[in-house]
Amino acid sequence: MTSFLITLPIGSADAAALYDYVLAADGGTEARCASVPLALLPMPPDRQTEVLVLLPIQALSWHQVQLPKGSLARGLMAERGASRLRAILDGLLEDQLLDEPAQLHLALQPQPVVDAPVWVVACDKAWLGAHLQALAQAGLAASRIVPEFTPEALAQTLYVVGDTHQPMLVGKNLVPCALTPGTVAWLGEPAAQGDLPELVAEPAVAALAESLFKRPVTLLQRSQRLLLAAQTAWDLAQFDLVNANRDRVWAKLALGAQSLLHALPWRAARLAMLALVLVNLVGLNVWALREQAALQAKRQAVRSVLTGTFPKIPVVVDAPLQMTREVSALQRASGAASSTDMEAMLAALAAVVPVTQTLTSLDYVAQELRTKVPAVSAAEQARVALALKQQGLAASWDGMQWLLKQGPTP
């Protein structure tokens, strides 16, 4: 995925402010970098580009605090407890901050815990909000906000950055200072040579760093250093920027989906997924056709039994019901009792209704039995109807009477 890293200027978000940017292709290969006004920032080359905002170390202050137990809500309660956690941080940092906490944006380190000191980074809220709004209006909404340096990056490394006119030294105290002989002397030398931190310098100030520290340095281009900073797990979009953070998460998921749909490395996976879907569709259709053919064969067998047994039936509509009616007619013609006779219906009804129910009237016409009984509850109606259905009778409650007639074969 292409990364578009934009470093915010220290000054205000006006037309004269210069934004350093680095545009890197997949794998971190640098494409181009420059320092331009906001209006001249290039647009992302494609929809898969991740826009990252980097905050310079001069704009940040770092603090360590010990969080009280229960202050870190997890899961679904995290967002609801954010305001409470912010109030706790305001109280813990009140004596460490130079400005009022309400004027500052605060962010915690990734995956903080209450059992150990936690890093908190602070910056001017108005300054950050103005730059983020200006970038968003220019069509460059940030996917993530990262610091230029982190405590982990400076634990065993000294960085010399800037140019010959304004060289700066950044160490584990997270406070940038001018690179001078006095600064180097103040740092002092560790007692053991093996304890020396790694010295990393940008090419413009590498010679100066070697002459002052009296030892070789590791060269690192500024653009590559910024790209490495963007690869950390830090994201400063917290608390006041929680909604923007949620939008960035969705934007990141959208970028991932677009990468899956369009990126060349995922082409084989896309083809395999498409083939799997097609195979499943073909298989489901073949299975449905076989089931439909089997069901049609069973229906045809029932129709054949009906037409073979009763050739006089001209049209087959509902074979099981027509078969039942013809059998009942034969039984009546032969004098044998059938399930649609009044006696059979009364016997079936008497077997399922409560013994306390008393029939008050009977009416049997055209193989339909109507009998009045006292009021029946809805649950009782459902129970009786289900029991009679299992015996091939359709029972329904009509006002104050039961209506029984021939039903489908159970």
Protein backbone atom coordinates (compact mmCIF):
# COMPACT_ATOMS: atom_id res chain seq x y z
CA MET A 1 0.00 0.00 0.00
CA THR A 2 1.30 3.45 -0.89
CA SER A 3 2.03 5.76 2.08
CA PHE A 4 1.64 9.53 1.92
CA LEU A 5 3.34 11.02 4.99
CA ILE A 6 2.76 14.71 5.76
CA THR A 7 4.74 16.50 8.49
CA LEU A 8 2.91 19.42 10.09
CA PRO A 9 4.78 22.73 10.30
CA ILE A 10 5.37 24.31 13.71
CA GLY A 11 3.59 27.50 12.69
CA SER A 12 -0.07 28.16 12.06
CA ALA A 13 -2.05 26.65 9.21
CA ASP A 14 -1.89 29.56 6.77
CA ALA A 15 -1.02 29.88 3.08
CA ALA A 16 2.68 30.44 3.85
CA ALA A 17 3.10 27.29 5.96
CA LEU A 18 5.34 24.64 4.39
CA TYR A 19 4.44 20.96 4.72
CA ASP A 20 7.14 18.32 4.32
CA TYR A 21 5.80 15.24 2.61
CA VAL A 22 7.13 11.82 1.63
CA LEU A 23 5.33 9.66 -0.91
CA ALA A 24 6.46 6.04 -0.67
CA ALA A 25 5.28 3.12 -2.77
CA ASP A 26 4.65 -0.43 -1.54
CA GLY A 27 7.44 -1.83 0.57
CA GLY A 28 8.67 1.59 1.74
CA THR A 29 10.50 2.49 -1.47
CA GLU A 30 10.64 6.27 -1.56
CA ALA A 31 8.96 7.83 -4.57
CA ARG A 32 9.48 11.53 -3.88
CA CYS A 33 9.69 14.08 -1.08
CA ALA A 34 9.49 17.86 -0.90
CA SER A 35 8.48 20.81 1.25
CA VAL A 36 5.58 22.79 -0.26
CA PRO A 37 2.63 24.96 0.78
CA LEU A 38 -0.67 23.26 1.46
CA ALA A 39 -2.09 24.23 -1.93
CA LEU A 40 0.78 22.46 -3.71
CA LEU A 41 0.59 19.18 -1.82
CA PRO A 42 0.01 16.40 -4.36
CA MET A 43 -3.17 14.38 -4.21
CA PRO A 44 -2.87 10.66 -3.38
CA PRO A 45 -2.08 8.74 -6.58
CA ASP A 46 -4.85 6.19 -6.00
CA ARG A 47 -7.60 5.16 -3.58
CA GLN A 48 -5.29 2.70 -1.84
CA THR A 49 -2.94 5.42 -0.57
CA GLU A 50 -2.78 5.77 3.23
CA VAL A 51 -2.49 9.40 4.37
CA LEU A 52 -0.43 9.75 7.57
CA VAL A 53 0.12 12.93 9.58
CA LEU A 54 3.41 13.27 11.49
CA LEU A 55 3.83 15.69 14.42
CA PRO A 56 7.34 17.18 14.83
CA ILE A 57 9.04 16.64 18.16
CA GLN A 58 9.28 20.42 18.75
CA ALA A 59 5.47 20.53 18.99
CA LEU A 60 5.21 17.74 21.56
CA SER A 61 5.87 17.33 25.27
CA TRP A 62 6.26 13.92 26.87
CA HIS A 63 5.24 12.86 30.37
CA GLN A 64 5.10 9.65 32.39
CA VAL A 65 2.25 8.96 34.81
CA GLN A 66 1.00 6.04 36.90
CA LEU A 67 -2.66 5.41 36.12
CA PRO A 68 -4.99 4.38 38.95
CA LYS A 69 -6.59 0.97 38.79
CA GLY A 70 -9.84 0.83 36.84
CA SER A 71 -9.06 3.90 34.75
CA LEU A 72 -8.52 1.93 31.52
CA ALA A 73 -11.83 0.69 30.16
CA ARG A 74 -11.64 -2.05 27.57
CA GLY A 75 -13.83 -3.32 24.73
CA LEU A 76 -17.25 -1.72 24.35
CA MET A 77 -16.72 0.46 27.44
CA ALA A 78 -13.54 2.10 26.10
CA GLU A 79 -15.27 4.93 24.27
CA ARG A 80 -17.71 5.57 27.13
CA GLY A 81 -14.83 5.78 29.63
CA ALA A 82 -12.70 8.09 27.47
CA SER A 83 -13.99 11.29 29.08
CA ARG A 84 -13.33 9.85 32.54
CA LEU A 85 -9.79 8.83 31.55
CA ARG A 86 -9.15 12.28 30.11
CA ALA A 87 -10.23 13.87 33.40
CA ILE A 88 -7.86 11.54 35.27
CA LEU A 89 -4.97 12.56 33.01
CA ASP A 90 -5.77 16.23 33.49
CA GLY A 91 -5.47 15.75 37.24
CA LEU A 92 -2.25 13.72 37.05
CA LEU A 93 -0.54 16.15 34.65
CA GLU A 94 -1.76 19.41 36.17
CA ASP A 95 1.62 20.17 37.79
CA GLN A 96 3.67 18.99 34.78
CA LEU A 97 1.98 20.96 32.00
CA LEU A 98 2.89 24.54 31.19
CA ASP A 99 -0.54 25.26 29.67
CA GLU A 100 -4.03 24.57 30.89
CA PRO A 101 -5.02 20.92 30.19
CA ALA A 102 -8.13 22.11 28.34
CA GLN A 103 -5.89 23.79 25.75
CA LEU A 104 -3.89 20.63 25.05
CA HIS A 105 -4.53 17.46 23.13
CA LEU A 106 -3.37 14.36 25.01
CA ALA A 107 -2.67 10.83 23.82
CA LEU A 108 -1.58 7.63 25.54
CA GLN A 109 1.04 5.16 24.41
CA PRO A 110 -0.16 2.05 22.54
CA GLN A 111 -1.62 -0.66 24.79
CA PRO A 112 -1.21 1.15 28.12
CA VAL A 113 -1.42 -0.76 31.42
CA VAL A 114 -2.10 0.42 34.97
CA ASP A 115 0.68 -1.67 36.52
CA ALA A 116 3.53 0.38 35.00
CA PRO A 117 4.26 4.03 34.20
CA VAL A 118 2.52 5.15 31.01
CA TRP A 119 3.78 7.66 28.46
CA VAL A 120 1.48 10.56 27.66
CA VAL A 121 2.18 12.97 24.80
CA ALA A 122 0.71 16.47 24.69
CA CYS A 123 0.43 19.16 22.01
CA ASP A 124 -1.50 22.35 21.37
CA LYS A 125 -5.09 21.39 20.59
CA ALA A 126 -5.90 24.46 18.49
CA TRP A 127 -2.72 24.09 16.42
CA LEU A 128 -3.36 20.41 15.69
CA GLY A 129 -7.06 20.91 14.96
CA ALA A 130 -6.39 23.76 12.53
CA HIS A 131 -3.87 21.75 10.51
CA LEU A 132 -6.05 18.63 10.43
CA GLN A 133 -9.03 20.69 9.27
CA ALA A 134 -6.93 22.38 6.56
CA LEU A 135 -5.71 19.01 5.29
CA ALA A 136 -9.23 17.57 5.31
CA GLN A 137 -10.55 20.53 3.31
CA ALA A 138 -7.78 19.90 0.79
CA GLY A 139 -8.96 16.28 0.41
CA LEU A 140 -6.20 14.80 2.60
CA ALA A 141 -8.01 13.31 5.59
CA ALA A 142 -5.51 11.54 7.85
CA SER A 143 -5.66 7.79 8.35
CA ARG A 144 -3.37 7.99 11.41
CA ILE A 145 -1.45 10.58 13.45
CA VAL A 146 2.08 9.62 14.56
CA PRO A 147 4.89 11.38 16.49
CA GLU A 148 8.26 12.09 14.86
CA PHE A 149 10.12 10.30 17.69
CA THR A 150 8.94 7.84 20.34
CA PRO A 151 10.48 6.75 23.66
CA GLU A 152 11.15 3.30 22.17
CA ALA A 153 13.07 4.76 19.21
CA LEU A 154 15.25 6.94 21.48
CA ALA A 155 15.93 4.36 24.19
CA GLN A 156 19.33 3.35 22.74
CA THR A 157 19.82 5.90 19.95
CA LEU A 158 20.87 9.53 19.60
CA TYR A 159 19.61 11.36 16.51
CA VAL A 160 21.30 14.38 14.95
CA VAL A 161 18.87 16.10 12.58
CA GLY A 162 18.40 19.40 10.75
CA ASP A 163 21.01 21.20 8.69
CA THR A 164 24.35 22.97 9.25
CA HIS A 165 22.56 26.21 10.13
CA GLN A 166 20.34 24.64 12.80
CA PRO A 167 21.54 21.16 13.85
CA MET A 168 19.55 19.49 16.62
CA LEU A 169 20.22 16.60 18.95
CA VAL A 170 17.39 14.34 20.07
CA GLY A 171 17.93 11.80 22.84
CA LYS A 172 16.03 9.65 25.28
CA ASN A 173 14.90 12.69 27.28
CA LEU A 174 12.64 13.48 24.28
CA VAL A 175 13.60 17.16 24.37
CA PRO A 176 15.32 18.47 21.21
CA CYS A 177 18.28 20.75 21.80
CA ALA A 178 20.85 22.54 19.66
CA LEU A 179 23.91 20.48 18.75
CA THR A 180 26.87 22.33 20.25
CA PRO A 181 30.12 21.34 21.99
CA GLY A 182 28.50 22.33 25.27
CA THR A 183 25.54 19.98 24.67
CA VAL A 184 27.87 17.09 23.88
CA ALA A 185 29.96 17.83 26.99
CA TRP A 186 26.82 17.99 29.10
CA LEU A 187 25.77 14.56 27.87
CA GLY A 188 29.11 13.14 28.91
CA GLU A 189 30.50 9.71 27.97
CA PRO A 190 29.31 6.42 29.53
CA ALA A 191 31.77 4.64 31.73
CA ALA A 192 31.88 1.58 29.49
CA GLN A 193 32.43 1.96 25.77
CA GLY A 194 29.83 -0.75 25.13
CA ASP A 195 27.15 1.42 26.73
CA LEU A 196 27.43 4.11 24.05
CA PRO A 197 24.10 4.70 22.32
CA GLU A 198 23.97 4.40 18.56
CA LEU A 199 24.57 7.74 16.86
CA VAL A 200 22.35 8.33 13.81
CA ALA A 201 22.65 11.48 11.74
CA GLU A 202 21.16 12.96 8.60
CA PRO A 203 23.71 13.49 5.79
CA ALA A 204 23.71 17.31 6.14
CA VAL A 205 24.93 17.16 9.75
CA ALA A 206 26.85 13.86 9.76
CA ALA A 207 30.31 15.46 9.59
CA LEU A 208 29.51 17.85 12.41
CA ALA A 209 28.20 15.00 14.57
CA GLU A 210 31.35 12.92 13.99
CA SER A 211 33.62 15.81 14.89
CA LEU A 212 31.78 16.62 18.11
CA PHE A 213 31.19 13.05 19.34
CA LYS A 214 34.57 11.76 18.11
CA ARG A 215 33.07 8.57 16.74
CA PRO A 216 31.42 7.39 13.51
CA VAL A 217 27.74 7.89 12.83
CA THR A 218 25.07 5.92 10.98
CA LEU A 219 23.69 7.85 8.03
CA LEU A 220 19.91 7.98 7.59
CA GLN A 221 18.06 10.15 5.11
CA ARG A 222 15.37 12.37 6.63
CA SER A 223 12.68 10.87 4.41
CA GLN A 224 13.62 7.33 5.47
CA ARG A 225 13.64 8.36 9.14
CA LEU A 226 10.15 9.79 8.82
CA LEU A 227 8.90 6.64 7.11
CA LEU A 228 10.33 4.54 9.96
CA ALA A 229 8.52 6.78 12.46
CA ALA A 230 5.25 6.19 10.62
CA GLN A 231 5.63 2.42 11.00
CA THR A 232 5.26 2.46 14.79
CA ALA A 233 2.07 1.46 16.60
CA TRP A 234 1.49 4.98 17.92
CA ASP A 235 -1.72 6.81 16.96
CA LEU A 236 -2.36 10.17 18.61
CA ALA A 237 -6.00 10.41 17.46
CA GLN A 238 -7.55 9.96 20.90
CA PHE A 239 -10.06 11.65 23.21
CA ASP A 240 -11.10 14.85 21.40
CA LEU A 241 -10.27 13.20 18.07
CA VAL A 242 -12.09 9.94 18.85
CA ASN A 243 -14.72 10.50 16.14
CA ALA A 244 -12.03 11.32 13.64
CA ASN A 245 -10.19 8.21 14.79
CA ARG A 246 -13.29 6.09 14.12
CA ASP A 247 -13.53 7.58 10.66
CA ARG A 248 -9.87 6.77 10.10
CA VAL A 249 -10.43 3.18 11.16
CA TRP A 250 -13.23 2.84 8.63
CA ALA A 251 -11.05 4.54 6.04
CA LYS A 252 -8.27 2.07 6.82
CA LEU A 253 -10.65 -0.86 6.43
CA ALA A 254 -11.87 0.62 3.15
CA LEU A 255 -8.29 0.96 1.97
CA GLY A 256 -7.64 -2.65 2.90
CA ALA A 257 -10.72 -3.78 1.00
CA GLN A 258 -9.70 -1.73 -2.02
CA SER A 259 -6.22 -3.21 -1.85
CA LEU A 260 -7.71 -6.69 -1.78
CA LEU A 261 -9.86 -5.84 -4.80
CA HIS A 262 -7.28 -4.04 -6.92
CA ALA A 263 -3.69 -4.63 -5.73
CA LEU A 264 -1.55 -6.86 -7.97
CA PRO A 265 -0.15 -9.06 -5.14
CA TRP A 266 -3.72 -10.13 -4.30
CA ARG A 267 -4.58 -11.11 -7.86
CA ALA A 268 -4.04 -14.83 -7.28
CA ALA A 269 -6.17 -14.72 -4.12
CA ARG A 270 -8.94 -12.87 -5.97
CA LEU A 271 -8.92 -15.44 -8.79
CA ALA A 272 -8.97 -18.31 -6.29
CA MET A 273 -11.88 -16.74 -4.40
CA LEU A 274 -13.78 -16.16 -7.65
CA ALA A 275 -13.21 -19.76 -8.70
CA LEU A 276 -14.41 -20.98 -5.28
CA VAL A 277 -17.58 -18.90 -5.54
CA LEU A 278 -18.29 -20.16 -9.07
CA VAL A 279 -17.74 -23.79 -8.05
CA ASN A 280 -20.12 -23.37 -5.11
CA LEU A 281 -22.75 -21.70 -7.29
CA VAL A 282 -22.55 -24.50 -9.87
CA GLY A 283 -22.69 -27.11 -7.13
CA LEU A 284 -25.72 -25.51 -5.47
CA ASN A 285 -27.55 -25.29 -8.79
CA VAL A 286 -26.81 -28.93 -9.63
CA TRP A 287 -27.97 -29.99 -6.15
CA ALA A 288 -31.16 -27.91 -6.46
CA LEU A 289 -31.92 -29.42 -9.87
CA ARG A 290 -31.48 -32.95 -8.51
CA GLU A 291 -33.73 -32.24 -5.52
CA GLN A 292 -36.35 -30.66 -7.78
CA ALA A 293 -36.25 -33.67 -10.12
CA ALA A 294 -36.63 -36.08 -7.17
CA LEU A 295 -39.58 -34.08 -5.79
CA GLN A 296 -41.22 -34.00 -9.22
CA ALA A 297 -40.78 -37.77 -9.55
CA LYS A 298 -42.51 -38.32 -6.19
CA ARG A 299 -45.40 -36.07 -7.20
CA GLN A 300 -45.75 -37.90 -10.47
CA ALA A 301 -45.79 -41.24 -8.64
CA VAL A 302 -48.64 -40.02 -6.39
CA ARG A 303 -50.55 -38.74 -9.41
CA SER A 304 -50.05 -42.08 -11.15
CA VAL A 305 -51.44 -43.95 -8.13
CA LEU A 306 -54.50 -41.66 -8.08
CA THR A 307 -55.25 -41.86 -11.82
CA GLY A 308 -54.53 -45.58 -11.86
CA THR A 309 -56.88 -46.26 -8.94
CA PHE A 310 -59.60 -43.81 -9.95
CA PRO A 311 -59.48 -43.40 -13.74
CA LYS A 312 -62.67 -41.31 -13.72
CA ILE A 313 -60.83 -38.30 -12.20
CA PRO A 314 -60.25 -35.99 -15.22
CA VAL A 315 -57.95 -33.40 -13.62
CA VAL A 316 -55.49 -33.91 -10.77
CA VAL A 317 -55.18 -30.81 -8.54
CA ASP A 318 -54.32 -32.16 -5.09
CA ALA A 319 -53.65 -35.85 -5.40
CA PRO A 320 -53.61 -36.77 -1.65
CA LEU A 321 -56.82 -34.84 -0.93
CA GLN A 322 -58.60 -36.21 -3.98
CA MET A 323 -57.50 -39.72 -3.05
CA THR A 324 -58.92 -39.27 0.48
CA ARG A 325 -62.25 -38.02 -0.86
CA GLU A 326 -62.59 -40.91 -3.31
CA VAL A 327 -61.77 -43.47 -0.63
CA SER A 328 -64.36 -41.87 1.68
CA ALA A 329 -66.95 -42.03 -1.07
CA LEU A 330 -66.24 -45.74 -1.60
CA GLN A 331 -66.51 -46.36 2.12
CA ARG A 332 -69.89 -44.63 2.29
CA ALA A 333 -71.11 -46.55 -0.73
CA SER A 334 -70.10 -49.85 0.86
CA GLY A 335 -71.54 -48.93 4.24
CA ALA A 336 -68.14 -48.81 5.94
CA ALA A 337 -67.33 -45.95 8.28
CA SER A 338 -64.89 -43.27 7.13
CA SER A 339 -62.99 -40.52 8.88
CA THR A 340 -65.38 -37.92 7.44
CA ASP A 341 -68.51 -39.50 8.94
CA MET A 342 -70.15 -37.64 11.79
CA GLU A 343 -69.50 -40.48 14.23
CA ALA A 344 -65.77 -40.56 13.38
CA MET A 345 -65.46 -36.78 13.67
CA LEU A 346 -67.28 -36.76 17.03
CA ALA A 347 -65.05 -39.54 18.32
CA ALA A 348 -61.92 -37.70 17.22
CA LEU A 349 -63.14 -34.46 18.80
CA ALA A 350 -64.11 -36.16 22.04
CA ALA A 351 -60.66 -37.70 22.32
CA VAL A 352 -58.85 -34.33 22.33
CA VAL A 353 -61.18 -31.83 24.02
CA PRO A 354 -61.24 -31.62 27.83
CA VAL A 355 -63.81 -33.79 29.56
CA THR A 356 -65.34 -30.65 31.06
CA GLN A 357 -66.42 -29.43 27.62
CA THR A 358 -70.11 -30.07 26.87
CA LEU A 359 -71.48 -30.05 23.32
CA THR A 360 -74.63 -27.94 23.10
CA SER A 361 -75.54 -28.49 19.42
CA LEU A 362 -74.54 -30.52 16.37
CA ASP A 363 -74.79 -29.72 12.66
CA TYR A 364 -73.40 -32.13 10.05
CA VAL A 365 -73.70 -31.09 6.40
CA ALA A 366 -71.59 -32.14 3.39
CA GLN A 367 -68.93 -33.88 5.48
CA GLU A 368 -68.54 -30.81 7.71
CA LEU A 369 -69.37 -30.97 11.42
CA ARG A 370 -70.25 -27.86 13.45
CA THR A 371 -70.65 -28.22 17.20
CA LYS A 372 -71.16 -25.51 19.78
CA VAL A 373 -69.17 -25.60 23.03
CA PRO A 374 -68.38 -23.08 25.80
CA ALA A 375 -65.60 -20.53 25.21
CA VAL A 376 -62.16 -22.03 24.51
CA SER A 377 -58.84 -20.29 25.18
CA ALA A 378 -56.44 -19.58 22.33
CA ALA A 379 -53.91 -22.10 23.68
CA GLU A 380 -56.61 -24.76 23.89
CA GLN A 381 -57.77 -23.97 20.33
CA ALA A 382 -54.22 -24.46 19.02
CA ARG A 383 -53.78 -27.74 20.93
CA VAL A 384 -57.06 -29.24 19.67
CA ALA A 385 -56.45 -28.13 16.07
CA LEU A 386 -52.98 -29.70 16.09
CA ALA A 387 -54.24 -32.98 17.56
CA LEU A 388 -57.04 -33.27 14.99
CA LYS A 389 -54.69 -32.34 12.14
CA GLN A 390 -52.62 -35.42 13.00
CA GLN A 391 -55.78 -37.47 12.43
CA GLY A 392 -56.42 -35.94 9.00
CA LEU A 393 -59.07 -33.43 10.12
CA ALA A 394 -59.00 -29.66 9.72
CA ALA A 395 -60.40 -28.02 12.88
CA SER A 396 -61.02 -24.31 13.30
CA TRP A 397 -62.69 -22.22 15.98
CA ASP A 398 -65.51 -20.17 14.47
CA GLY A 399 -67.16 -17.88 17.01
CA MET A 400 -68.56 -20.22 19.67
CA GLN A 401 -68.30 -23.49 17.76
CA TRP A 402 -65.85 -25.96 16.30
CA LEU A 403 -65.80 -26.54 12.54
CA LEU A 404 -64.40 -29.92 11.49
CA LYS A 405 -63.85 -31.09 7.94
CA GLN A 406 -61.57 -33.30 5.93
CA GLY A 407 -57.99 -32.03 6.04
CA PRO A 408 -54.71 -32.93 4.35
CA THR A 409 -53.21 -36.31 5.01
CA PRO A 410 -50.93 -36.03 8.09
